[in-house]
Amino acid sequence: MSSFELPRSAIIVLDRLQNDGPMTPKDITSKVDLAPRTVSFALRKLMGQKLCKKIPNLRDMRQPLYQADSERARELRMKYEHVFRQVLM
């Protein structure tokens, strides 16, 4: 997997999911200051690369939670640390 397959927004969302744990798209939108559509696009990219997964939100089934795959995300971050540093600054 190449880091360039992930847009900047996906790297930002992945970082937030790793640091803050499972969140709804609405929560992610408010924390990372990205448009809802951009967050949805980033989540689709992350799920396509198996870097996050959708889990049921038992408090509100209308809003699923997204959780980072910590192991895969850590591997990606180690391999492309220079890219993450640039994006997350």
Protein backbone atom coordinates (compact mmCIF):
# COMPACT_ATOMS: atom_id res chain seq x y z
CA MET A 1 0.00 0.00 0.00
CA SER A 2 1.38 3.39 -0.98
CA SER A 3 0.76 6.46 1.16
CA PHE A 4 -0.19 8.34 -1.94
CA GLU A 5 -3.31 6.21 -2.26
CA LEU A 6 -4.66 8.07 0.77
CA PRO A 7 -5.79 11.68 0.44
CA ARG A 8 -4.74 14.25 3.03
CA SER A 9 -8.20 14.13 4.62
CA ALA A 10 -7.95 10.35 5.16
CA ILE A 11 -4.62 10.75 6.96
CA ILE A 12 -6.14 13.43 9.21
CA VAL A 13 -9.22 11.29 9.98
CA LEU A 14 -7.08 8.20 10.64
CA ASP A 15 -4.91 10.15 13.06
CA ARG A 16 -7.98 11.41 14.92
CA LEU A 17 -9.51 7.89 15.12
CA GLN A 18 -6.24 6.50 16.45
CA ASN A 19 -5.93 9.18 19.11
CA ASP A 20 -9.58 9.52 20.17
CA GLY A 21 -11.01 6.07 19.55
CA PRO A 22 -14.31 5.21 17.82
CA MET A 23 -16.35 8.19 16.63
CA THR A 24 -19.33 8.99 14.44
CA PRO A 25 -18.77 10.91 11.21
CA LYS A 26 -20.44 13.91 12.84
CA ASP A 27 -17.98 13.81 15.76
CA ILE A 28 -15.04 13.50 13.39
CA THR A 29 -16.30 16.46 11.36
CA SER A 30 -16.41 18.70 14.40
CA LYS A 31 -12.98 17.62 15.68
CA VAL A 32 -10.99 17.89 12.45
CA ASP A 33 -12.75 20.90 10.92
CA LEU A 34 -13.49 19.17 7.60
CA ALA A 35 -16.74 19.18 5.66
CA PRO A 36 -19.07 16.20 6.29
CA ARG A 37 -18.71 15.10 2.68
CA THR A 38 -14.92 15.16 2.97
CA VAL A 39 -15.04 13.06 6.15
CA SER A 40 -17.34 10.53 4.44
CA PHE A 41 -14.94 10.32 1.49
CA ALA A 42 -11.97 9.85 3.86
CA LEU A 43 -13.79 7.09 5.77
CA ARG A 44 -14.61 5.26 2.53
CA LYS A 45 -10.93 5.41 1.52
CA LEU A 46 -9.80 4.18 4.94
CA MET A 47 -12.31 1.32 4.91
CA GLY A 48 -11.21 0.39 1.38
CA GLN A 49 -7.63 0.09 2.62
CA LYS A 50 -8.81 -1.83 5.73
CA LEU A 51 -7.43 0.91 7.99
CA CYS A 52 -10.74 1.41 9.79
CA LYS A 53 -14.02 -0.41 10.24
CA LYS A 54 -17.62 0.50 10.89
CA ILE A 55 -19.03 -0.74 14.19
CA PRO A 56 -22.57 -0.47 15.59
CA ASN A 57 -23.32 2.48 17.81
CA LEU A 58 -25.48 0.99 20.55
CA ARG A 59 -26.53 4.44 21.74
CA ASP A 60 -27.84 5.53 18.33
CA MET A 61 -28.04 2.91 15.59
CA ARG A 62 -28.61 5.64 12.98
CA GLN A 63 -25.05 6.87 13.44
CA PRO A 64 -22.40 4.13 13.12
CA LEU A 65 -19.05 4.45 14.82
CA TYR A 66 -15.78 4.16 12.94
CA GLN A 67 -12.76 2.60 14.60
CA ALA A 68 -9.16 2.61 13.36
CA ASP A 69 -7.39 -0.70 12.90
CA SER A 70 -4.59 0.24 15.28
CA GLU A 71 -2.07 -2.32 14.06
CA ARG A 72 -2.42 -1.51 10.35
CA ALA A 73 -2.51 2.23 11.06
CA ARG A 74 0.67 1.98 13.16
CA GLU A 75 2.45 0.05 10.38
CA LEU A 76 1.40 2.64 7.81
CA ARG A 77 2.49 5.49 10.05
CA MET A 78 5.92 3.94 10.65
CA LYS A 79 6.45 3.31 6.95
CA TYR A 80 5.35 6.81 5.89
CA GLU A 81 6.20 8.91 8.94
CA HIS A 82 7.51 11.75 6.77
CA VAL A 83 4.15 12.03 4.98
CA PHE A 84 2.17 11.97 8.23
CA ARG A 85 4.43 14.67 9.70
CA GLN A 86 3.84 16.94 6.70
CA VAL A 87 0.07 16.46 6.68
CA LEU A 88 -0.49 16.71 10.43
CA MET A 89 1.55 19.88 11.02
